[in-house]
Amino acid sequence: MKALPSLDGQFRHLVPPAVRQMQEELKNMLQNILSDNFNKVQTCNANLQKFLGQMSLPMCIQSLQASDDIPDQLWSKIEEFQKKGSEQNFTNSIASNQNFVQINNDVVQSIEQSINEEESIDTNLRQQHNLGQVVPSARVNGPYRQNVDNYKQKMQQA
């Protein structure tokens, strides 16, 4: 059987050189995009495998049909996870996060109280000593109050 010549070779003279050059540039750009995305997927997969390995979890759970039992291999992985205390570590991690939320709320509340007390003292001193020419504390504390509000919003989002 005789090999057929490629279509590119046959029609090459019909396409201007500038178009062929742009075609090559486009081809290279697309290859770079594909390569970048492939690398991102590989990095994500590696991070996922590392995390699952640290938690002693399988990469996937085998699919089961209604009549099938859970495979012994999967049960052994579950038992290994439980024996290593990973379940308790995971539960402790969630509980400690809740503790940190409360600590952060307490700190923000304390900051707000300090600002309010300082402004109250400033107002009283202004009234007692006629300090109208000094910038009021409430105006100076504006950026601090804004930062506290921003922290509160971020904590609620988290």
Protein backbone atom coordinates (compact mmCIF):
# COMPACT_ATOMS: atom_id res chain seq x y z
CA MET A 1 0.00 0.00 0.00
CA LYS A 2 1.27 3.40 -0.95
CA ALA A 3 1.59 6.12 1.73
CA LEU A 4 -0.53 9.18 1.07
CA PRO A 5 1.16 12.58 1.23
CA SER A 6 -0.03 14.79 4.06
CA LEU A 7 -2.68 17.42 3.35
CA ASP A 8 -0.50 20.13 4.88
CA GLY A 9 2.14 19.51 2.27
CA GLN A 10 -0.33 19.53 -0.60
CA PHE A 11 -2.03 22.78 0.34
CA ARG A 12 0.95 24.54 1.91
CA HIS A 13 1.43 26.82 -1.10
CA LEU A 14 -2.21 28.08 -0.81
CA VAL A 15 -1.72 29.45 2.73
CA PRO A 16 0.33 32.66 3.01
CA PRO A 17 3.50 32.45 5.15
CA ALA A 18 2.15 35.04 7.62
CA VAL A 19 -0.92 32.86 8.27
CA ARG A 20 1.27 29.76 8.71
CA GLN A 21 3.39 31.69 11.21
CA MET A 22 0.29 32.78 13.15
CA GLN A 23 -0.93 29.18 13.02
CA GLU A 24 2.33 28.00 14.60
CA GLU A 25 2.14 30.73 17.26
CA LEU A 26 -1.44 29.75 18.07
CA LYS A 27 -0.45 26.10 18.23
CA ASN A 28 2.39 26.94 20.65
CA MET A 29 0.11 29.10 22.80
CA LEU A 30 -2.47 26.31 23.04
CA GLN A 31 0.23 23.78 23.92
CA ASN A 32 1.47 26.11 26.70
CA ILE A 33 -2.05 26.54 28.06
CA LEU A 34 -2.62 22.78 28.04
CA SER A 35 0.73 22.18 29.68
CA ASP A 36 0.07 24.76 32.41
CA ASN A 37 -3.36 23.31 33.17
CA PHE A 38 -1.97 19.78 33.19
CA ASN A 39 0.69 20.89 35.70
CA LYS A 40 -1.96 22.52 37.89
CA VAL A 41 -4.01 19.32 37.88
CA GLN A 42 -0.95 17.27 38.77
CA THR A 43 -0.12 19.64 41.66
CA CYS A 44 -3.69 19.46 42.97
CA ASN A 45 -3.69 15.68 42.74
CA ALA A 46 -0.36 15.49 44.58
CA ASN A 47 -1.66 17.77 47.35
CA LEU A 48 -4.85 15.72 47.61
CA GLN A 49 -2.92 12.44 47.80
CA LYS A 50 -0.63 13.91 50.46
CA PHE A 51 -3.59 15.08 52.56
CA LEU A 52 -5.43 11.79 52.23
CA GLY A 53 -2.22 9.93 53.10
CA GLN A 54 -1.77 12.03 56.25
CA MET A 55 -5.33 11.18 57.28
CA SER A 56 -4.83 7.49 56.36
CA LEU A 57 -7.72 7.70 53.91
CA PRO A 58 -7.98 5.94 50.53
CA MET A 59 -7.84 7.95 47.31
CA CYS A 60 -11.35 6.73 46.50
CA ILE A 61 -13.97 4.38 47.81
CA GLN A 62 -14.73 1.51 45.50
CA SER A 63 -18.18 1.64 43.98
CA LEU A 64 -20.67 -0.77 45.44
CA GLN A 65 -23.82 -2.34 44.14
CA ALA A 66 -26.81 -2.80 46.41
CA SER A 67 -26.19 -6.53 46.79
CA ASP A 68 -22.45 -6.20 47.47
CA ASP A 69 -20.84 -6.04 50.88
CA ILE A 70 -18.21 -3.45 51.71
CA PRO A 71 -14.87 -4.93 50.60
CA ASP A 72 -12.51 -6.22 53.33
CA GLN A 73 -9.78 -3.92 52.02
CA LEU A 74 -11.96 -0.86 52.69
CA TRP A 75 -12.91 -2.13 56.16
CA SER A 76 -9.23 -2.61 56.99
CA LYS A 77 -8.50 0.99 55.96
CA ILE A 78 -11.35 2.23 58.13
CA GLU A 79 -10.07 0.21 61.09
CA GLU A 80 -6.54 1.51 60.52
CA PHE A 81 -7.89 5.07 60.49
CA GLN A 82 -9.69 4.45 63.78
CA LYS A 83 -6.71 2.69 65.43
CA LYS A 84 -4.32 5.52 64.61
CA GLY A 85 -6.61 7.92 66.40
CA SER A 86 -7.09 9.96 63.25
CA GLU A 87 -10.79 10.21 63.95
CA GLN A 88 -10.08 11.67 67.39
CA ASN A 89 -7.45 14.03 65.93
CA PHE A 90 -9.97 15.24 63.39
CA THR A 91 -12.61 15.77 66.08
CA ASN A 92 -10.08 17.58 68.30
CA SER A 93 -9.11 19.82 65.39
CA ILE A 94 -12.72 20.87 64.84
CA ALA A 95 -13.19 21.49 68.58
CA SER A 96 -10.03 23.60 68.78
CA ASN A 97 -11.25 25.69 65.85
CA GLN A 98 -14.42 26.42 67.80
CA ASN A 99 -12.30 27.47 70.77
CA PHE A 100 -10.30 29.83 68.56
CA VAL A 101 -13.53 31.40 67.28
CA GLN A 102 -14.57 32.16 70.85
CA ILE A 103 -11.12 33.55 71.72
CA ASN A 104 -11.18 35.79 68.64
CA ASN A 105 -14.69 37.02 69.49
CA ASP A 106 -13.56 37.82 73.04
CA VAL A 107 -10.53 39.77 71.78
CA VAL A 108 -12.62 41.80 69.33
CA GLN A 109 -15.20 42.52 72.02
CA SER A 110 -12.42 43.66 74.39
CA ILE A 111 -11.04 46.00 71.72
CA GLU A 112 -14.47 47.50 71.17
CA GLN A 113 -14.92 48.03 74.91
CA SER A 114 -11.52 49.75 75.13
CA ILE A 115 -12.41 52.10 72.29
CA ASN A 116 -15.81 52.88 73.85
CA GLU A 117 -14.26 53.54 77.28
CA GLU A 118 -11.58 55.80 75.80
CA GLU A 119 -14.19 57.81 73.90
CA SER A 120 -16.36 58.10 77.01
CA ILE A 121 -13.42 59.37 79.08
CA ASP A 122 -12.52 61.81 76.29
CA THR A 123 -16.09 63.15 76.19
CA ASN A 124 -16.15 63.63 79.99
CA LEU A 125 -12.79 65.43 79.99
CA ARG A 126 -13.95 67.71 77.17
CA GLN A 127 -17.02 68.69 79.12
CA GLN A 128 -15.07 69.26 82.35
CA HIS A 129 -12.11 71.20 80.92
CA ASN A 130 -13.61 72.87 77.82
CA LEU A 131 -11.26 71.17 75.31
CA GLY A 132 -13.17 72.07 72.14
CA GLN A 133 -10.03 72.79 70.07
CA VAL A 134 -8.64 69.22 70.45
CA VAL A 135 -9.75 66.64 67.87
CA PRO A 136 -12.47 64.43 69.40
CA SER A 137 -11.50 60.88 70.21
CA ALA A 138 -14.41 59.46 68.22
CA ARG A 139 -12.99 61.01 65.03
CA VAL A 140 -9.48 59.72 65.75
CA ASN A 141 -10.81 56.22 66.50
CA GLY A 142 -12.76 55.98 63.21
CA PRO A 143 -10.13 53.87 61.39
CA TYR A 144 -9.80 51.58 64.42
CA ARG A 145 -13.55 51.02 64.52
CA GLN A 146 -13.50 50.28 60.77
CA ASN A 147 -10.75 47.70 61.27
CA VAL A 148 -12.72 46.04 64.08
CA ASP A 149 -15.80 45.89 61.82
CA ASN A 150 -13.69 44.38 59.02
CA TYR A 151 -12.34 41.71 61.40
CA LYS A 152 -15.86 40.87 62.52
CA GLN A 153 -17.01 40.42 58.92
CA LYS A 154 -14.04 38.20 58.11
CA MET A 155 -14.62 36.08 61.20
CA GLN A 156 -18.28 35.62 60.25
CA GLN A 157 -17.27 34.56 56.74
CA ALA A 158 -14.76 32.06 58.10
